[in-house]
Amino acid sequence: MNNTQKQTFAKNELTKALLVLLKEKELDQITVSELSRVSQVSRVSFYRNFQDMKAVLADYCNTIIMTWYHQNEDRFEQEHQDFGRNDELLAGIFQHLKDNEDFYKLLNQRGYLRLIVPVLKRILLTKRADNNYEVYLESFYLYGMYGWIKEWLDRGLVESPEEIEVWLKARTIKI
């Protein structure tokens, strides 16, 4: 195994172990020593890969969302070119959340759902705003989507991703 493979293996094992432990206790109650023991990855490897426990969760959020996004990116870009909208991307986010429901419910339950915001920003706000008005509009859009996601998770994912898609298509703001 080369160094890159070892690093990937260590990160994956640490992440899996943290998710198991997070089901049992709060993040601030999990020690690096405990995580190392459960993951069978050294403390040195932990600190080589992550600044803290929260960074493990942020990295995992980034990994699963960006993997999903890149698998569908061509379709999303085509829709935006053809129709000037991003309905499939927005609906796809909710399908991705549903497909990874246990993780996102856990993240929400433990108070760390906000870790998805930087990743959402990368995929939803692909152009750079030119003025304050556009920055505020982008912020409204980004945190509006986050609000929909948070509320949907808080309510137990009652609506299907398809129902959410219908509602999103009725929106009036285009970004």
C-alpha atoms as a PDB file:
ATOM      1  CA  MET A   1       0.000   0.000   0.000  1.00  0.00           C
ATOM      2  CA  ASN A   2       1.446   3.389  -0.960  1.00  0.00           C
ATOM      3  CA  ASN A   3       1.199   6.494   1.259  1.00  0.00           C
ATOM      4  CA  THR A   4      -1.911   7.843  -0.492  1.00  0.00           C
ATOM      5  CA  GLN A   5      -3.691   4.519  -0.055  1.00  0.00           C
ATOM      6  CA  LYS A   6      -2.645   4.356   3.607  1.00  0.00           C
ATOM      7  CA  GLN A   7      -3.917   7.878   4.193  1.00  0.00           C
ATOM      8  CA  THR A   8      -7.232   7.106   2.483  1.00  0.00           C
ATOM      9  CA  PHE A   9      -7.575   3.911   4.493  1.00  0.00           C
ATOM     10  CA  ALA A  10      -6.845   5.746   7.768  1.00  0.00           C
ATOM     11  CA  LYS A  11      -9.351   8.516   6.969  1.00  0.00           C
ATOM     12  CA  ASN A  12     -12.042   5.992   6.054  1.00  0.00           C
ATOM     13  CA  GLU A  13     -11.509   3.927   9.204  1.00  0.00           C
ATOM     14  CA  LEU A  14     -11.498   7.012  11.421  1.00  0.00           C
ATOM     15  CA  THR A  15     -14.691   8.254   9.778  1.00  0.00           C
ATOM     16  CA  LYS A  16     -16.486   4.914  10.120  1.00  0.00           C
ATOM     17  CA  ALA A  17     -15.488   4.649  13.773  1.00  0.00           C
ATOM     18  CA  LEU A  18     -16.546   8.224  14.522  1.00  0.00           C
ATOM     19  CA  LEU A  19     -19.978   7.639  12.996  1.00  0.00           C
ATOM     20  CA  VAL A  20     -20.430   4.539  15.162  1.00  0.00           C
ATOM     21  CA  LEU A  21     -19.376   6.403  18.293  1.00  0.00           C
ATOM     22  CA  LEU A  22     -21.513   9.428  17.405  1.00  0.00           C
ATOM     23  CA  LYS A  23     -24.604   7.222  17.520  1.00  0.00           C
ATOM     24  CA  GLU A  24     -23.820   6.521  21.168  1.00  0.00           C
ATOM     25  CA  LYS A  25     -22.566   9.872  22.469  1.00  0.00           C
ATOM     26  CA  GLU A  26     -22.040  13.547  21.748  1.00  0.00           C
ATOM     27  CA  LEU A  27     -19.042  14.577  19.665  1.00  0.00           C
ATOM     28  CA  ASP A  28     -17.386  16.441  22.533  1.00  0.00           C
ATOM     29  CA  GLN A  29     -17.518  13.252  24.624  1.00  0.00           C
ATOM     30  CA  ILE A  30     -15.487  11.261  22.083  1.00  0.00           C
ATOM     31  CA  THR A  31     -11.742  11.361  22.617  1.00  0.00           C
ATOM     32  CA  VAL A  32      -9.040  10.880  20.024  1.00  0.00           C
ATOM     33  CA  SER A  33      -7.771   7.946  22.082  1.00  0.00           C
ATOM     34  CA  GLU A  34     -11.183   6.290  21.989  1.00  0.00           C
ATOM     35  CA  LEU A  35     -11.518   6.946  18.265  1.00  0.00           C
ATOM     36  CA  SER A  36      -8.057   5.514  17.667  1.00  0.00           C
ATOM     37  CA  ARG A  37      -8.915   2.401  19.667  1.00  0.00           C
ATOM     38  CA  VAL A  38     -12.213   1.807  17.856  1.00  0.00           C
ATOM     39  CA  SER A  39     -10.816   2.553  14.393  1.00  0.00           C
ATOM     40  CA  GLN A  40      -7.500   0.805  15.058  1.00  0.00           C
ATOM     41  CA  VAL A  41      -5.774   3.834  13.557  1.00  0.00           C
ATOM     42  CA  SER A  42      -3.093   5.636  15.539  1.00  0.00           C
ATOM     43  CA  ARG A  43      -3.497   9.048  17.139  1.00  0.00           C
ATOM     44  CA  VAL A  44      -0.630  10.222  14.921  1.00  0.00           C
ATOM     45  CA  SER A  45      -2.636   9.239  11.838  1.00  0.00           C
ATOM     46  CA  PHE A  46      -5.661  11.057  13.205  1.00  0.00           C
ATOM     47  CA  TYR A  47      -3.718  14.304  13.640  1.00  0.00           C
ATOM     48  CA  ARG A  48      -1.975  13.842  10.308  1.00  0.00           C
ATOM     49  CA  ASN A  49      -5.377  13.834   8.596  1.00  0.00           C
ATOM     50  CA  PHE A  50      -7.650  15.953  10.774  1.00  0.00           C
ATOM     51  CA  GLN A  51      -7.459  18.990  13.011  1.00  0.00           C
ATOM     52  CA  ASP A  52     -10.265  17.757  15.270  1.00  0.00           C
ATOM     53  CA  MET A  53     -13.357  15.535  15.378  1.00  0.00           C
ATOM     54  CA  LYS A  54     -15.504  18.122  13.642  1.00  0.00           C
ATOM     55  CA  ALA A  55     -13.057  18.076  10.721  1.00  0.00           C
ATOM     56  CA  VAL A  56     -13.727  14.349  10.277  1.00  0.00           C
ATOM     57  CA  LEU A  57     -17.436  15.071   9.852  1.00  0.00           C
ATOM     58  CA  ALA A  58     -16.806  18.045   7.555  1.00  0.00           C
ATOM     59  CA  ASP A  59     -14.503  15.943   5.382  1.00  0.00           C
ATOM     60  CA  TYR A  60     -17.095  13.182   5.140  1.00  0.00           C
ATOM     61  CA  CYS A  61     -19.829  15.686   4.223  1.00  0.00           C
ATOM     62  CA  ASN A  62     -17.613  17.095   1.511  1.00  0.00           C
ATOM     63  CA  THR A  63     -16.720  13.627   0.215  1.00  0.00           C
ATOM     64  CA  ILE A  64     -20.222  12.214  -0.073  1.00  0.00           C
ATOM     65  CA  ILE A  65     -21.849  15.370  -1.429  1.00  0.00           C
ATOM     66  CA  MET A  66     -19.113  16.088  -3.967  1.00  0.00           C
ATOM     67  CA  THR A  67     -19.018  12.439  -5.091  1.00  0.00           C
ATOM     68  CA  TRP A  68     -22.770  12.578  -5.711  1.00  0.00           C
ATOM     69  CA  TYR A  69     -22.458  15.960  -7.430  1.00  0.00           C
ATOM     70  CA  HIS A  70     -19.656  14.875  -9.778  1.00  0.00           C
ATOM     71  CA  GLN A  71     -21.619  11.754 -10.756  1.00  0.00           C
ATOM     72  CA  ASN A  72     -24.468  14.024 -11.911  1.00  0.00           C
ATOM     73  CA  GLU A  73     -22.655  17.223 -12.868  1.00  0.00           C
ATOM     74  CA  ASP A  74     -23.077  16.910 -16.653  1.00  0.00           C
ATOM     75  CA  ARG A  75     -26.843  16.499 -16.296  1.00  0.00           C
ATOM     76  CA  PHE A  76     -27.084  19.483 -13.947  1.00  0.00           C
ATOM     77  CA  GLU A  77     -25.022  21.693 -16.249  1.00  0.00           C
ATOM     78  CA  GLN A  78     -27.054  20.659 -19.282  1.00  0.00           C
ATOM     79  CA  GLU A  79     -30.313  21.578 -17.568  1.00  0.00           C
ATOM     80  CA  HIS A  80     -28.894  24.940 -16.551  1.00  0.00           C
ATOM     81  CA  GLN A  81     -27.746  25.627 -20.128  1.00  0.00           C
ATOM     82  CA  ASP A  82     -31.035  24.481 -21.665  1.00  0.00           C
ATOM     83  CA  PHE A  83     -33.474  26.089 -19.234  1.00  0.00           C
ATOM     84  CA  GLY A  84     -31.499  28.575 -17.119  1.00  0.00           C
ATOM     85  CA  ARG A  85     -32.615  26.760 -13.960  1.00  0.00           C
ATOM     86  CA  ASN A  86     -31.232  24.118 -11.673  1.00  0.00           C
ATOM     87  CA  ASP A  87     -34.307  22.143 -10.661  1.00  0.00           C
ATOM     88  CA  GLU A  88     -32.628  18.750 -11.075  1.00  0.00           C
ATOM     89  CA  LEU A  89     -29.721  19.820  -8.895  1.00  0.00           C
ATOM     90  CA  LEU A  90     -32.007  21.067  -6.143  1.00  0.00           C
ATOM     91  CA  ALA A  91     -34.236  18.008  -6.300  1.00  0.00           C
ATOM     92  CA  GLY A  92     -31.166  15.805  -6.481  1.00  0.00           C
ATOM     93  CA  ILE A  93     -29.876  17.236  -3.232  1.00  0.00           C
ATOM     94  CA  PHE A  94     -33.000  16.007  -1.470  1.00  0.00           C
ATOM     95  CA  GLN A  95     -32.687  12.589  -3.096  1.00  0.00           C
ATOM     96  CA  HIS A  96     -29.048  12.455  -1.957  1.00  0.00           C
ATOM     97  CA  LEU A  97     -30.144  13.348   1.584  1.00  0.00           C
ATOM     98  CA  LYS A  98     -32.773  10.607   1.486  1.00  0.00           C
ATOM     99  CA  ASP A  99     -30.254   8.083   0.128  1.00  0.00           C
ATOM    100  CA  ASN A 100     -27.945   8.936   3.062  1.00  0.00           C
ATOM    101  CA  GLU A 101     -30.740   9.519   5.536  1.00  0.00           C
ATOM    102  CA  ASP A 102     -29.104   7.857   8.554  1.00  0.00           C
ATOM    103  CA  PHE A 103     -25.988  10.008   8.288  1.00  0.00           C
ATOM    104  CA  TYR A 104     -27.822  13.292   7.803  1.00  0.00           C
ATOM    105  CA  LYS A 105     -30.314  12.535  10.578  1.00  0.00           C
ATOM    106  CA  LEU A 106     -27.394  11.801  12.901  1.00  0.00           C
ATOM    107  CA  LEU A 107     -25.608  14.986  11.843  1.00  0.00           C
ATOM    108  CA  ASN A 108     -28.794  16.978  12.464  1.00  0.00           C
ATOM    109  CA  GLN A 109     -29.539  15.259  15.758  1.00  0.00           C
ATOM    110  CA  ARG A 110     -26.041  16.019  17.061  1.00  0.00           C
ATOM    111  CA  GLY A 111     -26.197  19.649  15.921  1.00  0.00           C
ATOM    112  CA  TYR A 112     -23.673  19.487  13.080  1.00  0.00           C
ATOM    113  CA  LEU A 113     -25.870  19.743   9.998  1.00  0.00           C
ATOM    114  CA  ARG A 114     -24.384  23.182   9.361  1.00  0.00           C
ATOM    115  CA  LEU A 115     -21.246  21.395   8.132  1.00  0.00           C
ATOM    116  CA  ILE A 116     -23.011  20.911   4.792  1.00  0.00           C
ATOM    117  CA  VAL A 117     -23.257  24.673   4.130  1.00  0.00           C
ATOM    118  CA  PRO A 118     -19.746  25.138   2.644  1.00  0.00           C
ATOM    119  CA  VAL A 119     -20.325  22.173   0.327  1.00  0.00           C
ATOM    120  CA  LEU A 120     -23.749  23.427  -0.703  1.00  0.00           C
ATOM    121  CA  LYS A 121     -22.147  26.790  -1.425  1.00  0.00           C
ATOM    122  CA  ARG A 122     -19.630  25.136  -3.772  1.00  0.00           C
ATOM    123  CA  ILE A 123     -22.300  23.375  -5.794  1.00  0.00           C
ATOM    124  CA  LEU A 124     -25.090  25.953  -5.697  1.00  0.00           C
ATOM    125  CA  LEU A 125     -23.139  29.187  -6.129  1.00  0.00           C
ATOM    126  CA  THR A 126     -20.796  28.478  -9.002  1.00  0.00           C
ATOM    127  CA  LYS A 127     -20.346  32.046 -10.239  1.00  0.00           C
ATOM    128  CA  ARG A 128     -18.822  34.898  -8.288  1.00  0.00           C
ATOM    129  CA  ALA A 129     -21.170  37.685  -7.242  1.00  0.00           C
ATOM    130  CA  ASP A 130     -20.284  41.087  -8.686  1.00  0.00           C
ATOM    131  CA  ASN A 131     -21.953  43.358  -6.139  1.00  0.00           C
ATOM    132  CA  ASN A 132     -23.508  43.437  -2.696  1.00  0.00           C
ATOM    133  CA  TYR A 133     -27.022  42.840  -4.007  1.00  0.00           C
ATOM    134  CA  GLU A 134     -25.913  39.599  -5.689  1.00  0.00           C
ATOM    135  CA  VAL A 135     -24.000  38.524  -2.575  1.00  0.00           C
ATOM    136  CA  TYR A 136     -27.115  39.039  -0.444  1.00  0.00           C
ATOM    137  CA  LEU A 137     -29.270  37.226  -2.987  1.00  0.00           C
ATOM    138  CA  GLU A 138     -26.847  34.294  -3.048  1.00  0.00           C
ATOM    139  CA  SER A 139     -26.860  34.199   0.741  1.00  0.00           C
ATOM    140  CA  PHE A 140     -30.663  34.203   0.752  1.00  0.00           C
ATOM    141  CA  TYR A 141     -30.672  31.329  -1.736  1.00  0.00           C
ATOM    142  CA  LEU A 142     -27.972  29.275   0.021  1.00  0.00           C
ATOM    143  CA  TYR A 143     -29.393  29.607   3.509  1.00  0.00           C
ATOM    144  CA  GLY A 144     -32.914  29.186   2.177  1.00  0.00           C
ATOM    145  CA  MET A 145     -31.910  25.795   0.789  1.00  0.00           C
ATOM    146  CA  TYR A 146     -30.203  24.963   4.066  1.00  0.00           C
ATOM    147  CA  GLY A 147     -33.404  25.961   5.870  1.00  0.00           C
ATOM    148  CA  TRP A 148     -35.477  23.655   3.669  1.00  0.00           C
ATOM    149  CA  ILE A 149     -33.055  20.795   4.342  1.00  0.00           C
ATOM    150  CA  LYS A 150     -32.960  21.415   8.096  1.00  0.00           C
ATOM    151  CA  GLU A 151     -36.732  21.693   8.352  1.00  0.00           C
ATOM    152  CA  TRP A 152     -37.228  18.560   6.237  1.00  0.00           C
ATOM    153  CA  LEU A 153     -34.891  16.594   8.487  1.00  0.00           C
ATOM    154  CA  ASP A 154     -36.458  18.038  11.657  1.00  0.00           C
ATOM    155  CA  ARG A 155     -39.894  16.943  10.441  1.00  0.00           C
ATOM    156  CA  GLY A 156     -38.698  13.418   9.691  1.00  0.00           C
ATOM    157  CA  LEU A 157     -38.409  13.573   5.880  1.00  0.00           C
ATOM    158  CA  VAL A 158     -42.199  13.361   5.622  1.00  0.00           C
ATOM    159  CA  GLU A 159     -42.361  14.475   2.000  1.00  0.00           C
ATOM    160  CA  SER A 160     -40.665  12.461  -0.704  1.00  0.00           C
ATOM    161  CA  PRO A 161     -37.813  14.008  -2.688  1.00  0.00           C
ATOM    162  CA  GLU A 162     -40.247  14.082  -5.625  1.00  0.00           C
ATOM    163  CA  GLU A 163     -42.744  16.174  -3.644  1.00  0.00           C
ATOM    164  CA  ILE A 164     -39.955  18.550  -2.637  1.00  0.00           C
ATOM    165  CA  GLU A 165     -38.960  18.788  -6.307  1.00  0.00           C
ATOM    166  CA  VAL A 166     -42.472  19.953  -7.266  1.00  0.00           C
ATOM    167  CA  TRP A 167     -42.317  22.663  -4.611  1.00  0.00           C
ATOM    168  CA  LEU A 168     -38.839  23.736  -5.665  1.00  0.00           C
ATOM    169  CA  LYS A 169     -39.899  24.049  -9.281  1.00  0.00           C
ATOM    170  CA  ALA A 170     -42.530  26.548  -8.164  1.00  0.00           C
ATOM    171  CA  ARG A 171     -39.905  28.890  -6.736  1.00  0.00           C
ATOM    172  CA  THR A 172     -39.480  32.311  -8.246  1.00  0.00           C
ATOM    173  CA  ILE A 173     -35.785  33.035  -7.608  1.00  0.00           C
ATOM    174  CA  LYS A 174     -33.334  31.955 -10.302  1.00  0.00           C
ATOM    175  CA  ILE A 175     -29.649  31.738  -9.481  1.00  0.00           C
END
